[in-house]
Amino acid sequence: MRLRMVDLQAPGLRRERRGRGFRYLDTADAPLTDPAQQERVRALAIPPAWTDVWIYPWPNGQVQALGTDTARRRHYLYHEEFRARQELAKPARSGPGTGLVEQ
């Protein structure tokens, strides 16, 4: 899959607390109605404690979601393929002369 660079300032889907659960709104602030999109968002397993949640509207973004925890720290959920590529690149970044030790 070809992953897209993500503009974190661009409009995205958002999460809004609704009773004991959440509802998800599209970029026009209308509730998500597409079952495939709803399932993709649920599969991200965004922690319920996160606030100010922003979700990338397409499934091929490097960053899939971001939110703020109760300590006001920003957290990112990355695409699985992007994380796998980053893991493969780690040994190359920790070679001789980098100051990093292989574990």
C-alpha atoms as a PDB file:
ATOM      1  CA  MET A   1       0.000   0.000   0.000  1.00  0.00           C
ATOM      2  CA  ARG A   2       1.277   3.449  -0.827  1.00  0.00           C
ATOM      3  CA  LEU A   3       1.098   5.569   2.316  1.00  0.00           C
ATOM      4  CA  ARG A   4       0.322   9.263   2.192  1.00  0.00           C
ATOM      5  CA  MET A   5       2.067  12.037   4.069  1.00  0.00           C
ATOM      6  CA  VAL A   6      -0.432  13.572   6.464  1.00  0.00           C
ATOM      7  CA  ASP A   7      -1.086  17.266   7.041  1.00  0.00           C
ATOM      8  CA  LEU A   8      -2.080  17.356  10.701  1.00  0.00           C
ATOM      9  CA  GLN A   9      -3.618  20.803  10.200  1.00  0.00           C
ATOM     10  CA  ALA A  10      -5.992  19.551   7.486  1.00  0.00           C
ATOM     11  CA  PRO A  11      -9.628  18.836   8.337  1.00  0.00           C
ATOM     12  CA  GLY A  12     -10.193  15.323   9.579  1.00  0.00           C
ATOM     13  CA  LEU A  13     -12.749  13.177  11.308  1.00  0.00           C
ATOM     14  CA  ARG A  14     -13.334  13.929  14.950  1.00  0.00           C
ATOM     15  CA  ARG A  15     -14.700  12.173  17.986  1.00  0.00           C
ATOM     16  CA  GLU A  16     -17.351  13.618  20.263  1.00  0.00           C
ATOM     17  CA  ARG A  17     -18.506  12.188  23.588  1.00  0.00           C
ATOM     18  CA  ARG A  18     -22.097  11.013  23.417  1.00  0.00           C
ATOM     19  CA  GLY A  19     -23.543   9.720  26.704  1.00  0.00           C
ATOM     20  CA  ARG A  20     -21.396   6.767  27.781  1.00  0.00           C
ATOM     21  CA  GLY A  21     -19.874   6.352  24.328  1.00  0.00           C
ATOM     22  CA  PHE A  22     -18.687   8.383  21.381  1.00  0.00           C
ATOM     23  CA  ARG A  23     -19.897   9.453  18.003  1.00  0.00           C
ATOM     24  CA  TYR A  24     -17.666  10.221  15.070  1.00  0.00           C
ATOM     25  CA  LEU A  25     -18.134  13.216  12.801  1.00  0.00           C
ATOM     26  CA  ASP A  26     -16.868  13.717   9.268  1.00  0.00           C
ATOM     27  CA  THR A  27     -15.103  16.811   7.944  1.00  0.00           C
ATOM     28  CA  ALA A  28     -18.483  18.552   7.496  1.00  0.00           C
ATOM     29  CA  ASP A  29     -19.429  17.794  11.151  1.00  0.00           C
ATOM     30  CA  ALA A  30     -22.064  15.280  10.033  1.00  0.00           C
ATOM     31  CA  PRO A  31     -22.205  11.872  11.756  1.00  0.00           C
ATOM     32  CA  LEU A  32     -20.290   9.092   9.980  1.00  0.00           C
ATOM     33  CA  THR A  33     -22.769   6.903   8.130  1.00  0.00           C
ATOM     34  CA  ASP A  34     -20.482   4.711   5.996  1.00  0.00           C
ATOM     35  CA  PRO A  35     -20.210   1.311   7.757  1.00  0.00           C
ATOM     36  CA  ALA A  36     -16.706   0.674   6.360  1.00  0.00           C
ATOM     37  CA  GLN A  37     -15.471   4.040   7.649  1.00  0.00           C
ATOM     38  CA  GLN A  38     -17.115   3.426  11.043  1.00  0.00           C
ATOM     39  CA  GLU A  39     -15.427   0.023  11.322  1.00  0.00           C
ATOM     40  CA  ARG A  40     -12.019   1.473  10.374  1.00  0.00           C
ATOM     41  CA  VAL A  41     -12.333   4.164  13.039  1.00  0.00           C
ATOM     42  CA  ARG A  42     -13.416   1.638  15.697  1.00  0.00           C
ATOM     43  CA  ALA A  43     -10.527  -0.663  14.743  1.00  0.00           C
ATOM     44  CA  LEU A  44      -8.056   2.117  15.578  1.00  0.00           C
ATOM     45  CA  ALA A  45      -8.933   1.517  19.256  1.00  0.00           C
ATOM     46  CA  ILE A  46      -8.443   5.142  20.253  1.00  0.00           C
ATOM     47  CA  PRO A  47      -8.160   5.308  24.056  1.00  0.00           C
ATOM     48  CA  PRO A  48     -11.352   6.692  25.639  1.00  0.00           C
ATOM     49  CA  ALA A  49      -9.352   9.099  27.832  1.00  0.00           C
ATOM     50  CA  TRP A  50      -8.052  10.979  24.790  1.00  0.00           C
ATOM     51  CA  THR A  51      -9.622  14.348  24.049  1.00  0.00           C
ATOM     52  CA  ASP A  52      -9.365  16.583  20.976  1.00  0.00           C
ATOM     53  CA  VAL A  53      -9.209  13.467  18.806  1.00  0.00           C
ATOM     54  CA  TRP A  54      -8.390  13.994  15.114  1.00  0.00           C
ATOM     55  CA  ILE A  55      -8.666  11.062  12.680  1.00  0.00           C
ATOM     56  CA  TYR A  56      -7.236  10.994   9.169  1.00  0.00           C
ATOM     57  CA  PRO A  57     -10.168  10.533   6.762  1.00  0.00           C
ATOM     58  CA  TRP A  58      -8.396   7.965   4.519  1.00  0.00           C
ATOM     59  CA  PRO A  59      -7.014   4.556   5.514  1.00  0.00           C
ATOM     60  CA  ASN A  60      -3.596   5.055   3.867  1.00  0.00           C
ATOM     61  CA  GLY A  61      -2.208   7.931   5.942  1.00  0.00           C
ATOM     62  CA  GLN A  62       1.038   7.537   7.882  1.00  0.00           C
ATOM     63  CA  VAL A  63      -0.694   9.012  10.936  1.00  0.00           C
ATOM     64  CA  GLN A  64      -4.151   7.557  11.479  1.00  0.00           C
ATOM     65  CA  ALA A  65      -5.189   9.504  14.578  1.00  0.00           C
ATOM     66  CA  LEU A  66      -3.943  11.821  17.268  1.00  0.00           C
ATOM     67  CA  GLY A  67      -5.321  12.941  20.584  1.00  0.00           C
ATOM     68  CA  THR A  68      -4.482  14.517  23.908  1.00  0.00           C
ATOM     69  CA  ASP A  69      -4.274  12.547  27.147  1.00  0.00           C
ATOM     70  CA  THR A  70      -5.296  13.774  30.608  1.00  0.00           C
ATOM     71  CA  ALA A  71      -1.772  15.135  31.211  1.00  0.00           C
ATOM     72  CA  ARG A  72      -2.149  17.251  28.016  1.00  0.00           C
ATOM     73  CA  ARG A  73       0.428  15.195  26.059  1.00  0.00           C
ATOM     74  CA  ARG A  74      -0.158  14.570  22.357  1.00  0.00           C
ATOM     75  CA  HIS A  75      -0.254  10.953  21.210  1.00  0.00           C
ATOM     76  CA  TYR A  76      -0.245   9.570  17.682  1.00  0.00           C
ATOM     77  CA  LEU A  77      -1.591   6.335  16.216  1.00  0.00           C
ATOM     78  CA  TYR A  78       0.443   5.366  13.164  1.00  0.00           C
ATOM     79  CA  HIS A  79      -0.508   3.117  10.253  1.00  0.00           C
ATOM     80  CA  GLU A  80       0.713  -0.469  10.843  1.00  0.00           C
ATOM     81  CA  GLU A  81       2.716  -0.474   7.620  1.00  0.00           C
ATOM     82  CA  PHE A  82       4.396   2.824   8.528  1.00  0.00           C
ATOM     83  CA  ARG A  83       5.407   1.431  11.942  1.00  0.00           C
ATOM     84  CA  ALA A  84       6.782  -1.727  10.298  1.00  0.00           C
ATOM     85  CA  ARG A  85       8.898   0.350   7.910  1.00  0.00           C
ATOM     86  CA  GLN A  86      10.231   2.410  10.806  1.00  0.00           C
ATOM     87  CA  GLU A  87      11.184  -0.765  12.690  1.00  0.00           C
ATOM     88  CA  LEU A  88      13.064  -2.062   9.638  1.00  0.00           C
ATOM     89  CA  ALA A  89      14.958   1.231   9.365  1.00  0.00           C
ATOM     90  CA  LYS A  90      16.129   1.167  13.003  1.00  0.00           C
ATOM     91  CA  PRO A  91      19.221  -1.043  12.498  1.00  0.00           C
ATOM     92  CA  ALA A  92      20.446   1.287   9.756  1.00  0.00           C
ATOM     93  CA  ARG A  93      20.110   4.257  12.105  1.00  0.00           C
ATOM     94  CA  SER A  94      22.004   2.514  14.931  1.00  0.00           C
ATOM     95  CA  GLY A  95      25.136   1.544  13.014  1.00  0.00           C
ATOM     96  CA  PRO A  96      28.754   2.336  13.899  1.00  0.00           C
ATOM     97  CA  GLY A  97      29.496   5.979  14.520  1.00  0.00           C
ATOM     98  CA  THR A  98      25.940   6.954  15.419  1.00  0.00           C
ATOM     99  CA  GLY A  99      26.438   6.750  19.164  1.00  0.00           C
ATOM    100  CA  LEU A 100      23.575   4.277  19.414  1.00  0.00           C
ATOM    101  CA  VAL A 101      24.130   0.783  20.773  1.00  0.00           C
ATOM    102  CA  GLU A 102      22.399  -2.253  19.309  1.00  0.00           C
ATOM    103  CA  GLN A 103      20.406  -4.229  21.840  1.00  0.00           C
END
